[in-house]
Amino acid sequence: MRSTKNVKLLVILVFCLSAMTILTSCQAPFEGPTRNLNYVKPQRPAPHLDHHYKKAEQSLSSKYPIKESLQKDIIYPSRIFKGKHGVHRKLPVSICSLHGFTASPYELYPILHELSEELGIPIFLQRLTGHAHKDYNEMAKATYQDWITDAIECSKTAEAMASLVIYIGMSTGATLVADLVKQGEILKPKKVILLSPNFGLPQKHAMLLTLPLIGPLIGKIIEGPTRTWVPKSVLHEKWWYTTYPTSAIVHLMKLLSRVKLKDFKKWDFPTTFIVSPHDDVIDLKKAKKAFDLIPSNNKQYISEPEFKSHNLAGKAIDPEKTQLLKNLIGDAILK
C-alpha cells in the first residue's frame, strides 16, 4: 500500500515541477474572510449573544442538520446570574475555544464544561464551518477562509463577554489561534493554551495540496475522494467525522501554510503548549521550534507521556486521563 502511494507521489512530483511556475502565477492572494461574520456586534456587555447563537444554529440545522448537542454554544457557570435575556454585566475573564479538524465543540468534553463551572469563567465553544453535521459532505463546502472567520467570531464574542480573554486551541484550533495573533485580531490575550498544536504535518508531501488548481487533484489521486478512519469509541464516532472529503485536507494545508515559525517571535504573552510525545498526527518538532521562538518569560511546554495519542484525553478518547488534562489546563489558566 505504501509503495503504491510512493509511486503516485513520484509521478505527481514530476508533473508538479513542470507545471508549478505557470500555476503559481495564477494563485489569488488571500484577502480575508469571504463571508459576513455571524456574530452580532454588541454593546458591551453582551447579554443576548447566547440567544443569538442558539437561534442561528437552529436555523442552520433546519437546512443542514447538525448532530445533536454539537452546536456552537456559550457555557455560563451557575454562579453567574443570567436574567431573562442573558448576562447583563461585563465579566472579568472569558474563554475562546477552537476545536480541531473534523472534530466538534465536544472534542474535550467534559473538561471545559467542568472548568467553566469550577473557575467561574464563561466559555464560547465555537463550531467550525462544515463540522459536526449529520452529513460529512458539508466539510467539502467549507474553506480555510471560513474557519478563519469562525476564529474571528469566537475571539470577538469572547471579547464582548469579558475584559480579558483566554484562548484555548486544540490541534487545528491552535493553528487558528496563531493566525488570529498574526492578523492582529488578538492584541493582548490574558493567556494562550494550545493543545497538540498543529503547525505542520509529518508528511512533507502534504504541502503539494496547496498548489493552485492542481492541489485538490493531487489529494484525490493520493487518498481518493474521501478519507476514513476507525473511531476508538461510540462518542469518538459521534463527536468527530470518521469519514470526510479529501478536498477538506486542501483547505487544512492552506491554513497551515499561513502560519510561519517567525510569527512566534512576537508572542509576548503567557503561553502553554500541551502535547503527547506519542503524537503521530502533527509535526512535534515544528511545534517545539515554534515554542522555543516565543520570547515570553511566562511560557511552559508540557510533553506528557501519559497521553497516548494526538487527542490527549476526554470522555470520547481516553477517559482515564481526563482528570490529568483538566488539571494541566486548569493550572495553565490560573498560573
C-alpha atoms as a PDB file:
ATOM      1  CA  MET A   1       0.000   0.000   0.000  1.00  0.00           C
ATOM      2  CA  ARG A   2       2.764   2.420   0.985  1.00  0.00           C
ATOM      3  CA  SER A   3       4.825   1.602  -2.115  1.00  0.00           C
ATOM      4  CA  THR A   4       1.806   2.330  -4.315  1.00  0.00           C
ATOM      5  CA  LYS A   5       1.437   5.747  -2.685  1.00  0.00           C
ATOM      6  CA  ASN A   6       5.148   6.430  -3.183  1.00  0.00           C
ATOM      7  CA  VAL A   7       4.871   5.701  -6.913  1.00  0.00           C
ATOM      8  CA  LYS A   8       1.893   8.027  -7.148  1.00  0.00           C
ATOM      9  CA  LEU A   9       3.834  10.724  -5.300  1.00  0.00           C
ATOM     10  CA  LEU A  10       6.811  10.397  -7.655  1.00  0.00           C
ATOM     11  CA  VAL A  11       4.574  10.818 -10.699  1.00  0.00           C
ATOM     12  CA  ILE A  12       2.838  13.782  -9.105  1.00  0.00           C
ATOM     13  CA  LEU A  13       6.149  15.443  -8.189  1.00  0.00           C
ATOM     14  CA  VAL A  14       7.431  15.236 -11.762  1.00  0.00           C
ATOM     15  CA  PHE A  15       4.203  16.735 -13.035  1.00  0.00           C
ATOM     16  CA  CYS A  16       4.145  19.441 -10.374  1.00  0.00           C
ATOM     17  CA  LEU A  17       7.697  20.617 -11.004  1.00  0.00           C
ATOM     18  CA  SER A  18       6.956  21.127 -14.673  1.00  0.00           C
ATOM     19  CA  ALA A  19       3.701  22.978 -14.024  1.00  0.00           C
ATOM     20  CA  MET A  20       4.439  24.905 -10.817  1.00  0.00           C
ATOM     21  CA  THR A  21       5.861  28.097 -12.316  1.00  0.00           C
ATOM     22  CA  ILE A  22       2.874  28.726 -14.554  1.00  0.00           C
ATOM     23  CA  LEU A  23       0.266  27.765 -11.994  1.00  0.00           C
ATOM     24  CA  THR A  24       1.743  29.773  -9.137  1.00  0.00           C
ATOM     25  CA  SER A  25       1.269  32.947 -11.132  1.00  0.00           C
ATOM     26  CA  CYS A  26      -2.448  32.169 -11.229  1.00  0.00           C
ATOM     27  CA  GLN A  27      -2.832  31.984  -7.447  1.00  0.00           C
ATOM     28  CA  ALA A  28      -5.040  34.654  -5.939  1.00  0.00           C
ATOM     29  CA  PRO A  29      -3.903  36.136  -2.622  1.00  0.00           C
ATOM     30  CA  PHE A  30      -5.974  35.618   0.489  1.00  0.00           C
ATOM     31  CA  GLU A  31      -7.920  38.789   1.176  1.00  0.00           C
ATOM     32  CA  GLY A  32      -9.553  37.832   4.440  1.00  0.00           C
ATOM     33  CA  PRO A  33     -12.876  36.228   5.332  1.00  0.00           C
ATOM     34  CA  THR A  34     -15.201  35.563   2.396  1.00  0.00           C
ATOM     35  CA  ARG A  35     -18.486  35.847   4.272  1.00  0.00           C
ATOM     36  CA  ASN A  36     -20.028  38.197   6.791  1.00  0.00           C
ATOM     37  CA  LEU A  37     -19.312  37.436  10.425  1.00  0.00           C
ATOM     38  CA  ASN A  38     -22.086  35.508  12.110  1.00  0.00           C
ATOM     39  CA  TYR A  39     -21.901  37.247  15.462  1.00  0.00           C
ATOM     40  CA  VAL A  40     -23.877  40.291  16.495  1.00  0.00           C
ATOM     41  CA  LYS A  41     -21.679  43.322  17.181  1.00  0.00           C
ATOM     42  CA  PRO A  42     -22.963  44.012  20.671  1.00  0.00           C
ATOM     43  CA  GLN A  43     -22.785  46.945  23.009  1.00  0.00           C
ATOM     44  CA  ARG A  44     -20.712  45.810  25.948  1.00  0.00           C
ATOM     45  CA  PRO A  45     -21.712  43.844  27.936  1.00  0.00           C
ATOM     46  CA  ALA A  46     -23.431  41.448  25.535  1.00  0.00           C
ATOM     47  CA  PRO A  47     -26.444  39.871  27.233  1.00  0.00           C
ATOM     48  CA  HIS A  48     -28.054  38.447  24.120  1.00  0.00           C
ATOM     49  CA  LEU A  49     -25.204  36.546  22.457  1.00  0.00           C
ATOM     50  CA  ASP A  50     -26.100  33.061  23.687  1.00  0.00           C
ATOM     51  CA  HIS A  51     -29.663  33.509  22.448  1.00  0.00           C
ATOM     52  CA  HIS A  52     -28.385  34.759  19.103  1.00  0.00           C
ATOM     53  CA  TYR A  53     -26.152  31.743  18.543  1.00  0.00           C
ATOM     54  CA  LYS A  54     -28.802  29.245  19.573  1.00  0.00           C
ATOM     55  CA  LYS A  55     -31.243  30.737  17.080  1.00  0.00           C
ATOM     56  CA  ALA A  56     -28.594  30.920  14.352  1.00  0.00           C
ATOM     57  CA  GLU A  57     -27.567  27.283  14.863  1.00  0.00           C
ATOM     58  CA  GLN A  58     -31.204  26.134  14.949  1.00  0.00           C
ATOM     59  CA  SER A  59     -31.844  27.943  11.689  1.00  0.00           C
ATOM     60  CA  LEU A  60     -28.768  26.411  10.048  1.00  0.00           C
ATOM     61  CA  SER A  61     -29.596  22.955  11.368  1.00  0.00           C
ATOM     62  CA  SER A  62     -33.071  23.092   9.851  1.00  0.00           C
ATOM     63  CA  LYS A  63     -31.411  23.180   6.416  1.00  0.00           C
ATOM     64  CA  TYR A  64     -28.159  21.324   7.078  1.00  0.00           C
ATOM     65  CA  PRO A  65     -28.747  19.158  10.167  1.00  0.00           C
ATOM     66  CA  ILE A  66     -26.151  19.416  12.912  1.00  0.00           C
ATOM     67  CA  LYS A  67     -25.534  16.436  15.185  1.00  0.00           C
ATOM     68  CA  GLU A  68     -27.379  16.589  18.483  1.00  0.00           C
ATOM     69  CA  SER A  69     -25.813  18.869  21.126  1.00  0.00           C
ATOM     70  CA  LEU A  70     -22.842  19.784  18.905  1.00  0.00           C
ATOM     71  CA  GLN A  71     -23.883  23.333  18.041  1.00  0.00           C
ATOM     72  CA  LYS A  72     -21.672  26.289  18.908  1.00  0.00           C
ATOM     73  CA  ASP A  73     -22.589  27.426  22.393  1.00  0.00           C
ATOM     74  CA  ILE A  74     -21.746  29.732  25.278  1.00  0.00           C
ATOM     75  CA  ILE A  75     -21.286  27.967  28.617  1.00  0.00           C
ATOM     76  CA  TYR A  76     -22.074  30.083  31.670  1.00  0.00           C
ATOM     77  CA  PRO A  77     -21.127  28.858  35.159  1.00  0.00           C
ATOM     78  CA  SER A  78     -24.043  28.724  37.578  1.00  0.00           C
ATOM     79  CA  ARG A  79     -22.526  31.418  39.807  1.00  0.00           C
ATOM     80  CA  ILE A  80     -23.042  33.994  37.033  1.00  0.00           C
ATOM     81  CA  PHE A  81     -26.591  35.308  37.219  1.00  0.00           C
ATOM     82  CA  LYS A  82     -28.468  35.159  33.939  1.00  0.00           C
ATOM     83  CA  GLY A  83     -31.620  37.200  33.571  1.00  0.00           C
ATOM     84  CA  LYS A  84     -34.353  36.620  31.034  1.00  0.00           C
ATOM     85  CA  HIS A  85     -32.135  37.891  28.237  1.00  0.00           C
ATOM     86  CA  GLY A  86     -28.774  36.635  29.438  1.00  0.00           C
ATOM     87  CA  VAL A  87     -25.891  38.205  31.353  1.00  0.00           C
ATOM     88  CA  HIS A  88     -26.166  41.957  31.801  1.00  0.00           C
ATOM     89  CA  ARG A  89     -22.716  42.833  33.084  1.00  0.00           C
ATOM     90  CA  LYS A  90     -19.192  42.771  31.788  1.00  0.00           C
ATOM     91  CA  LEU A  91     -17.269  39.799  33.167  1.00  0.00           C
ATOM     92  CA  PRO A  92     -13.579  39.772  34.162  1.00  0.00           C
ATOM     93  CA  VAL A  93     -12.470  36.798  32.027  1.00  0.00           C
ATOM     94  CA  SER A  94     -13.868  34.627  29.245  1.00  0.00           C
ATOM     95  CA  ILE A  95     -12.503  31.772  27.141  1.00  0.00           C
ATOM     96  CA  CYS A  96     -12.494  31.420  23.360  1.00  0.00           C
ATOM     97  CA  SER A  97     -12.289  27.709  22.496  1.00  0.00           C
ATOM     98  CA  LEU A  98     -11.468  26.422  18.993  1.00  0.00           C
ATOM     99  CA  HIS A  99     -11.646  22.711  18.187  1.00  0.00           C
ATOM    100  CA  GLY A 100      -9.645  20.693  15.687  1.00  0.00           C
ATOM    101  CA  PHE A 101     -10.046  19.446  12.121  1.00  0.00           C
ATOM    102  CA  THR A 102     -13.025  17.032  11.689  1.00  0.00           C
ATOM    103  CA  ALA A 103     -13.861  17.396  15.404  1.00  0.00           C
ATOM    104  CA  SER A 104     -16.594  19.355  17.213  1.00  0.00           C
ATOM    105  CA  PRO A 105     -17.133  21.640  20.239  1.00  0.00           C
ATOM    106  CA  TYR A 106     -17.353  18.498  22.404  1.00  0.00           C
ATOM    107  CA  GLU A 107     -13.844  17.363  21.495  1.00  0.00           C
ATOM    108  CA  LEU A 108     -12.540  17.904  25.051  1.00  0.00           C
ATOM    109  CA  TYR A 109     -15.777  17.170  26.931  1.00  0.00           C
ATOM    110  CA  PRO A 110     -16.258  17.322  29.882  1.00  0.00           C
ATOM    111  CA  ILE A 111     -13.053  19.227  30.639  1.00  0.00           C
ATOM    112  CA  LEU A 112     -14.021  22.745  29.537  1.00  0.00           C
ATOM    113  CA  HIS A 113     -17.551  22.435  30.908  1.00  0.00           C
ATOM    114  CA  GLU A 114     -16.218  21.461  34.328  1.00  0.00           C
ATOM    115  CA  LEU A 115     -13.520  24.158  34.335  1.00  0.00           C
ATOM    116  CA  SER A 116     -16.105  26.784  33.428  1.00  0.00           C
ATOM    117  CA  GLU A 117     -18.204  25.811  36.439  1.00  0.00           C
ATOM    118  CA  GLU A 118     -15.306  25.424  38.880  1.00  0.00           C
ATOM    119  CA  LEU A 119     -13.435  28.601  37.889  1.00  0.00           C
ATOM    120  CA  GLY A 120     -16.483  30.749  37.190  1.00  0.00           C
ATOM    121  CA  ILE A 121     -15.424  31.554  33.625  1.00  0.00           C
ATOM    122  CA  PRO A 122     -17.825  31.613  30.643  1.00  0.00           C
ATOM    123  CA  ILE A 123     -16.605  29.785  27.549  1.00  0.00           C
ATOM    124  CA  PHE A 124     -17.592  30.232  23.925  1.00  0.00           C
ATOM    125  CA  LEU A 125     -17.367  26.802  22.283  1.00  0.00           C
ATOM    126  CA  GLN A 126     -17.058  27.536  18.591  1.00  0.00           C
ATOM    127  CA  ARG A 127     -18.157  25.083  15.901  1.00  0.00           C
ATOM    128  CA  LEU A 128     -16.078  25.434  12.765  1.00  0.00           C
ATOM    129  CA  THR A 129     -17.909  25.700   9.453  1.00  0.00           C
ATOM    130  CA  GLY A 130     -18.695  22.334   7.882  1.00  0.00           C
ATOM    131  CA  HIS A 131     -18.087  20.436  11.114  1.00  0.00           C
ATOM    132  CA  ALA A 132     -20.447  18.351  13.284  1.00  0.00           C
ATOM    133  CA  HIS A 133     -23.145  17.968  10.641  1.00  0.00           C
ATOM    134  CA  LYS A 134     -25.006  14.702  10.143  1.00  0.00           C
ATOM    135  CA  ASP A 135     -23.765  14.699   6.540  1.00  0.00           C
ATOM    136  CA  TYR A 136     -19.954  14.727   6.360  1.00  0.00           C
ATOM    137  CA  ASN A 137     -20.139  16.179   2.845  1.00  0.00           C
ATOM    138  CA  GLU A 138     -20.741  19.569   4.465  1.00  0.00           C
ATOM    139  CA  MET A 139     -16.960  19.585   5.045  1.00  0.00           C
ATOM    140  CA  ALA A 140     -16.472  19.851   1.287  1.00  0.00           C
ATOM    141  CA  LYS A 141     -18.310  23.185   1.283  1.00  0.00           C
ATOM    142  CA  ALA A 142     -16.075  24.780   3.933  1.00  0.00           C
ATOM    143  CA  THR A 143     -12.926  26.759   3.154  1.00  0.00           C
ATOM    144  CA  TYR A 144      -9.961  27.799   5.248  1.00  0.00           C
ATOM    145  CA  GLN A 145     -11.276  31.384   4.960  1.00  0.00           C
ATOM    146  CA  ASP A 146     -14.487  30.220   6.655  1.00  0.00           C
ATOM    147  CA  TRP A 147     -12.503  28.755   9.543  1.00  0.00           C
ATOM    148  CA  ILE A 148     -10.553  31.987   9.915  1.00  0.00           C
ATOM    149  CA  THR A 149     -13.863  33.854  10.035  1.00  0.00           C
ATOM    150  CA  ASP A 150     -15.089  31.407  12.693  1.00  0.00           C
ATOM    151  CA  ALA A 151     -11.974  32.095  14.761  1.00  0.00           C
ATOM    152  CA  ILE A 152     -12.527  35.856  14.494  1.00  0.00           C
ATOM    153  CA  GLU A 153     -16.135  35.360  15.552  1.00  0.00           C
ATOM    154  CA  CYS A 154     -15.026  33.361  18.577  1.00  0.00           C
ATOM    155  CA  SER A 155     -12.491  35.996  19.556  1.00  0.00           C
ATOM    156  CA  LYS A 156     -14.855  38.950  19.161  1.00  0.00           C
ATOM    157  CA  THR A 157     -17.601  37.181  21.079  1.00  0.00           C
ATOM    158  CA  ALA A 158     -15.267  36.348  23.966  1.00  0.00           C
ATOM    159  CA  GLU A 159     -14.075  39.973  23.995  1.00  0.00           C
ATOM    160  CA  ALA A 160     -17.687  41.146  24.126  1.00  0.00           C
ATOM    161  CA  MET A 161     -18.329  38.956  27.178  1.00  0.00           C
ATOM    162  CA  ALA A 162     -15.294  39.918  29.259  1.00  0.00           C
ATOM    163  CA  SER A 163     -12.433  42.357  29.736  1.00  0.00           C
ATOM    164  CA  LEU A 164      -9.752  39.678  29.309  1.00  0.00           C
ATOM    165  CA  VAL A 165      -9.776  36.602  27.081  1.00  0.00           C
ATOM    166  CA  ILE A 166      -8.028  33.240  27.376  1.00  0.00           C
ATOM    167  CA  TYR A 167      -7.607  31.353  24.095  1.00  0.00           C
ATOM    168  CA  ILE A 168      -7.686  27.556  24.007  1.00  0.00           C
ATOM    169  CA  GLY A 169      -6.951  25.880  20.689  1.00  0.00           C
ATOM    170  CA  MET A 170      -6.879  22.132  20.073  1.00  0.00           C
ATOM    171  CA  SER A 171      -4.819  20.884  17.105  1.00  0.00           C
ATOM    172  CA  THR A 172      -6.002  22.950  14.112  1.00  0.00           C
ATOM    173  CA  GLY A 173      -7.805  25.173  16.596  1.00  0.00           C
ATOM    174  CA  ALA A 174      -4.286  26.109  17.736  1.00  0.00           C
ATOM    175  CA  THR A 175      -3.423  26.949  14.126  1.00  0.00           C
ATOM    176  CA  LEU A 176      -6.367  29.322  14.064  1.00  0.00           C
ATOM    177  CA  VAL A 177      -5.284  30.975  17.318  1.00  0.00           C
ATOM    178  CA  ALA A 178      -1.818  31.546  15.818  1.00  0.00           C
ATOM    179  CA  ASP A 179      -3.435  33.028  12.714  1.00  0.00           C
ATOM    180  CA  LEU A 180      -5.533  35.379  14.856  1.00  0.00           C
ATOM    181  CA  VAL A 181      -2.361  36.655  16.519  1.00  0.00           C
ATOM    182  CA  LYS A 182      -0.673  37.096  13.147  1.00  0.00           C
ATOM    183  CA  GLN A 183      -3.630  39.081  11.779  1.00  0.00           C
ATOM    184  CA  GLY A 184      -3.653  41.369  14.794  1.00  0.00           C
ATOM    185  CA  GLU A 185      -7.093  40.140  15.832  1.00  0.00           C
ATOM    186  CA  ILE A 186      -5.603  39.219  19.218  1.00  0.00           C
ATOM    187  CA  LEU A 187      -3.639  42.107  20.660  1.00  0.00           C
ATOM    188  CA  LYS A 188      -3.108  41.231  24.312  1.00  0.00           C
ATOM    189  CA  PRO A 189      -4.630  37.910  25.394  1.00  0.00           C
ATOM    190  CA  LYS A 190      -4.656  37.042  29.074  1.00  0.00           C
ATOM    191  CA  LYS A 191      -3.294  33.600  28.189  1.00  0.00           C
ATOM    192  CA  VAL A 192      -2.972  31.224  25.236  1.00  0.00           C
ATOM    193  CA  ILE A 193      -3.213  27.465  25.808  1.00  0.00           C
ATOM    194  CA  LEU A 194      -2.514  25.262  22.802  1.00  0.00           C
ATOM    195  CA  LEU A 195      -3.171  21.522  22.894  1.00  0.00           C
ATOM    196  CA  SER A 196      -1.425  19.301  20.326  1.00  0.00           C
ATOM    197  CA  PRO A 197      -0.796  22.441  18.233  1.00  0.00           C
ATOM    198  CA  ASN A 198      -0.876  21.752  14.513  1.00  0.00           C
ATOM    199  CA  PHE A 199       1.716  23.915  12.780  1.00  0.00           C
ATOM    200  CA  GLY A 200       2.657  21.240  10.260  1.00  0.00           C
ATOM    201  CA  LEU A 201       2.162  17.582   9.387  1.00  0.00           C
ATOM    202  CA  PRO A 202       4.861  14.876   9.367  1.00  0.00           C
ATOM    203  CA  GLN A 203       4.048  14.044   5.744  1.00  0.00           C
ATOM    204  CA  LYS A 204       6.129  16.582   3.818  1.00  0.00           C
ATOM    205  CA  HIS A 205       4.308  15.877   0.559  1.00  0.00           C
ATOM    206  CA  ALA A 206       1.103  17.233   2.127  1.00  0.00           C
ATOM    207  CA  MET A 207       2.114  20.784   1.150  1.00  0.00           C
ATOM    208  CA  LEU A 208       1.623  19.763  -2.502  1.00  0.00           C
ATOM    209  CA  LEU A 209      -2.084  20.079  -1.773  1.00  0.00           C
ATOM    210  CA  THR A 210      -1.703  23.864  -1.537  1.00  0.00           C
ATOM    211  CA  LEU A 211      -0.620  24.142  -5.189  1.00  0.00           C
ATOM    212  CA  PRO A 212      -3.121  26.282  -7.121  1.00  0.00           C
ATOM    213  CA  LEU A 213      -5.563  24.463  -9.367  1.00  0.00           C
ATOM    214  CA  ILE A 214      -3.965  21.021  -9.079  1.00  0.00           C
ATOM    215  CA  GLY A 215      -3.869  20.700  -5.262  1.00  0.00           C
ATOM    216  CA  PRO A 216      -7.327  19.081  -4.966  1.00  0.00           C
ATOM    217  CA  LEU A 217      -6.495  16.709  -7.833  1.00  0.00           C
ATOM    218  CA  ILE A 218      -3.335  15.579  -6.045  1.00  0.00           C
ATOM    219  CA  GLY A 219      -5.338  14.860  -2.889  1.00  0.00           C
ATOM    220  CA  LYS A 220      -7.838  12.709  -4.751  1.00  0.00           C
ATOM    221  CA  ILE A 221      -5.078  10.785  -6.511  1.00  0.00           C
ATOM    222  CA  ILE A 222      -3.311  10.015  -3.216  1.00  0.00           C
ATOM    223  CA  GLU A 223      -6.272   9.441  -0.898  1.00  0.00           C
ATOM    224  CA  GLY A 224      -9.318   9.059  -3.148  1.00  0.00           C
ATOM    225  CA  PRO A 225     -12.495  11.196  -2.860  1.00  0.00           C
ATOM    226  CA  THR A 226     -12.859  10.529   0.881  1.00  0.00           C
ATOM    227  CA  ARG A 227     -10.742   9.551   3.840  1.00  0.00           C
ATOM    228  CA  THR A 228     -11.975   7.175   6.555  1.00  0.00           C
ATOM    229  CA  TRP A 229     -10.608   6.104   9.919  1.00  0.00           C
ATOM    230  CA  VAL A 230     -11.761   3.795  12.715  1.00  0.00           C
ATOM    231  CA  PRO A 231     -13.131   5.506  15.866  1.00  0.00           C
ATOM    232  CA  LYS A 232     -11.959   4.487  19.338  1.00  0.00           C
ATOM    233  CA  SER A 233     -15.405   4.708  20.928  1.00  0.00           C
ATOM    234  CA  VAL A 234     -19.058   5.458  20.241  1.00  0.00           C
ATOM    235  CA  LEU A 235     -18.549   9.070  21.351  1.00  0.00           C
ATOM    236  CA  HIS A 236     -15.449   9.367  19.189  1.00  0.00           C
ATOM    237  CA  GLU A 237     -17.624   8.450  16.207  1.00  0.00           C
ATOM    238  CA  LYS A 238     -20.359  10.870  17.289  1.00  0.00           C
ATOM    239  CA  TRP A 239     -18.203  13.911  18.030  1.00  0.00           C
ATOM    240  CA  TRP A 240     -15.850  13.599  15.034  1.00  0.00           C
ATOM    241  CA  TYR A 241     -16.211  12.816  11.346  1.00  0.00           C
ATOM    242  CA  THR A 242     -14.861   9.315  10.776  1.00  0.00           C
ATOM    243  CA  THR A 243     -15.236   9.885   7.029  1.00  0.00           C
ATOM    244  CA  TYR A 244     -14.669  13.212   5.355  1.00  0.00           C
ATOM    245  CA  PRO A 245     -13.983  14.599   1.840  1.00  0.00           C
ATOM    246  CA  THR A 246     -10.325  14.675   0.781  1.00  0.00           C
ATOM    247  CA  SER A 247     -10.883  18.181  -0.576  1.00  0.00           C
ATOM    248  CA  ALA A 248     -11.131  19.434   3.031  1.00  0.00           C
ATOM    249  CA  ILE A 249      -7.464  18.492   3.566  1.00  0.00           C
ATOM    250  CA  VAL A 250      -6.535  21.008   0.863  1.00  0.00           C
ATOM    251  CA  HIS A 251      -8.010  23.819   2.963  1.00  0.00           C
ATOM    252  CA  LEU A 252      -6.339  22.478   6.087  1.00  0.00           C
ATOM    253  CA  MET A 253      -2.969  22.701   4.323  1.00  0.00           C
ATOM    254  CA  LYS A 254      -3.725  26.211   3.056  1.00  0.00           C
ATOM    255  CA  LEU A 255      -4.461  27.280   6.614  1.00  0.00           C
ATOM    256  CA  LEU A 256      -1.229  25.699   7.859  1.00  0.00           C
ATOM    257  CA  SER A 257       0.765  27.490   5.155  1.00  0.00           C
ATOM    258  CA  ARG A 258      -0.296  30.855   6.619  1.00  0.00           C
ATOM    259  CA  VAL A 259       1.405  30.261   9.975  1.00  0.00           C
ATOM    260  CA  LYS A 260       5.190  30.746   9.887  1.00  0.00           C
ATOM    261  CA  LEU A 261       7.718  29.979  12.604  1.00  0.00           C
ATOM    262  CA  LYS A 262       8.912  33.605  12.605  1.00  0.00           C
ATOM    263  CA  ASP A 263       5.417  34.681  13.716  1.00  0.00           C
ATOM    264  CA  PHE A 264       6.054  33.255  17.191  1.00  0.00           C
ATOM    265  CA  LYS A 265       8.893  35.706  17.812  1.00  0.00           C
ATOM    266  CA  LYS A 266       6.198  38.315  18.549  1.00  0.00           C
ATOM    267  CA  TRP A 267       4.359  36.284  21.216  1.00  0.00           C
ATOM    268  CA  ASP A 268       4.980  38.265  24.391  1.00  0.00           C
ATOM    269  CA  PHE A 269       2.050  36.878  26.372  1.00  0.00           C
ATOM    270  CA  PRO A 270       1.646  33.855  28.713  1.00  0.00           C
ATOM    271  CA  THR A 271       1.621  30.695  26.604  1.00  0.00           C
ATOM    272  CA  THR A 272       1.250  26.989  27.364  1.00  0.00           C
ATOM    273  CA  PHE A 273       1.765  24.092  24.945  1.00  0.00           C
ATOM    274  CA  ILE A 274       0.478  20.653  25.995  1.00  0.00           C
ATOM    275  CA  VAL A 275       1.453  17.713  23.789  1.00  0.00           C
ATOM    276  CA  SER A 276       1.831  13.949  23.779  1.00  0.00           C
ATOM    277  CA  PRO A 277       5.278  12.594  22.835  1.00  0.00           C
ATOM    278  CA  HIS A 278       3.352   9.757  21.137  1.00  0.00           C
ATOM    279  CA  ASP A 279       1.538  12.132  18.752  1.00  0.00           C
ATOM    280  CA  ASP A 280       1.935  10.910  15.164  1.00  0.00           C
ATOM    281  CA  VAL A 281      -0.568  13.348  13.636  1.00  0.00           C
ATOM    282  CA  ILE A 282       1.318  16.647  13.889  1.00  0.00           C
ATOM    283  CA  ASP A 283       4.952  17.616  13.375  1.00  0.00           C
ATOM    284  CA  LEU A 284       6.069  17.689  17.015  1.00  0.00           C
ATOM    285  CA  LYS A 285       9.496  19.078  16.139  1.00  0.00           C
ATOM    286  CA  LYS A 286       7.918  22.077  14.438  1.00  0.00           C
ATOM    287  CA  ALA A 287       5.619  22.661  17.400  1.00  0.00           C
ATOM    288  CA  LYS A 288       8.650  22.675  19.713  1.00  0.00           C
ATOM    289  CA  LYS A 289      10.528  25.050  17.390  1.00  0.00           C
ATOM    290  CA  ALA A 290       7.569  27.424  17.468  1.00  0.00           C
ATOM    291  CA  PHE A 291       7.514  27.295  21.268  1.00  0.00           C
ATOM    292  CA  ASP A 292      11.265  27.899  21.549  1.00  0.00           C
ATOM    293  CA  LEU A 293      10.925  31.081  19.464  1.00  0.00           C
ATOM    294  CA  ILE A 294       8.355  32.607  21.827  1.00  0.00           C
ATOM    295  CA  PRO A 295      10.101  35.421  23.785  1.00  0.00           C
ATOM    296  CA  SER A 296       7.597  35.493  26.658  1.00  0.00           C
ATOM    297  CA  ASN A 297       9.055  34.897  30.120  1.00  0.00           C
ATOM    298  CA  ASN A 298       5.810  33.222  31.107  1.00  0.00           C
ATOM    299  CA  LYS A 299       5.638  30.075  28.997  1.00  0.00           C
ATOM    300  CA  GLN A 300       5.649  26.313  29.513  1.00  0.00           C
ATOM    301  CA  TYR A 301       5.958  23.308  27.211  1.00  0.00           C
ATOM    302  CA  ILE A 302       4.371  20.193  28.697  1.00  0.00           C
ATOM    303  CA  SER A 303       5.120  16.894  26.960  1.00  0.00           C
ATOM    304  CA  GLU A 304       3.103  14.368  28.947  1.00  0.00           C
ATOM    305  CA  PRO A 305       3.846  10.679  28.194  1.00  0.00           C
ATOM    306  CA  GLU A 306       0.609   9.634  29.921  1.00  0.00           C
ATOM    307  CA  PHE A 307      -1.244  10.933  26.874  1.00  0.00           C
ATOM    308  CA  LYS A 308      -1.024   8.212  24.237  1.00  0.00           C
ATOM    309  CA  SER A 309      -2.446   9.992  21.199  1.00  0.00           C
ATOM    310  CA  HIS A 310      -2.908  13.305  19.416  1.00  0.00           C
ATOM    311  CA  ASN A 311      -6.322  13.890  21.003  1.00  0.00           C
ATOM    312  CA  LEU A 312      -4.819  13.675  24.518  1.00  0.00           C
ATOM    313  CA  ALA A 313      -7.887  12.916  26.650  1.00  0.00           C
ATOM    314  CA  GLY A 314     -11.609  13.350  27.174  1.00  0.00           C
ATOM    315  CA  LYS A 315     -14.683  11.202  27.610  1.00  0.00           C
ATOM    316  CA  ALA A 316     -14.512  10.047  23.979  1.00  0.00           C
ATOM    317  CA  ILE A 317     -10.777   9.282  23.702  1.00  0.00           C
ATOM    318  CA  ASP A 318      -9.048   8.363  26.962  1.00  0.00           C
ATOM    319  CA  PRO A 319     -11.426   8.895  29.914  1.00  0.00           C
ATOM    320  CA  GLU A 320      -8.858   7.724  32.475  1.00  0.00           C
ATOM    321  CA  LYS A 321      -6.561  10.624  31.569  1.00  0.00           C
ATOM    322  CA  THR A 322      -9.300  13.269  31.535  1.00  0.00           C
ATOM    323  CA  GLN A 323      -8.585  14.499  35.068  1.00  0.00           C
ATOM    324  CA  LEU A 324      -4.881  14.848  34.237  1.00  0.00           C
ATOM    325  CA  LEU A 325      -5.582  17.030  31.205  1.00  0.00           C
ATOM    326  CA  LYS A 326      -8.169  19.021  33.136  1.00  0.00           C
ATOM    327  CA  ASN A 327      -5.599  19.712  35.876  1.00  0.00           C
ATOM    328  CA  LEU A 328      -2.977  20.827  33.355  1.00  0.00           C
ATOM    329  CA  ILE A 329      -5.370  23.191  31.574  1.00  0.00           C
ATOM    330  CA  GLY A 330      -6.715  24.484  34.899  1.00  0.00           C
ATOM    331  CA  ASP A 331      -3.194  25.142  36.187  1.00  0.00           C
ATOM    332  CA  ALA A 332      -2.340  26.978  32.956  1.00  0.00           C
ATOM    333  CA  ILE A 333      -5.430  29.171  33.330  1.00  0.00           C
ATOM    334  CA  LEU A 334      -4.627  30.033  36.957  1.00  0.00           C
ATOM    335  CA  LYS A 335      -0.851  30.355  36.614  1.00  0.00           C
END
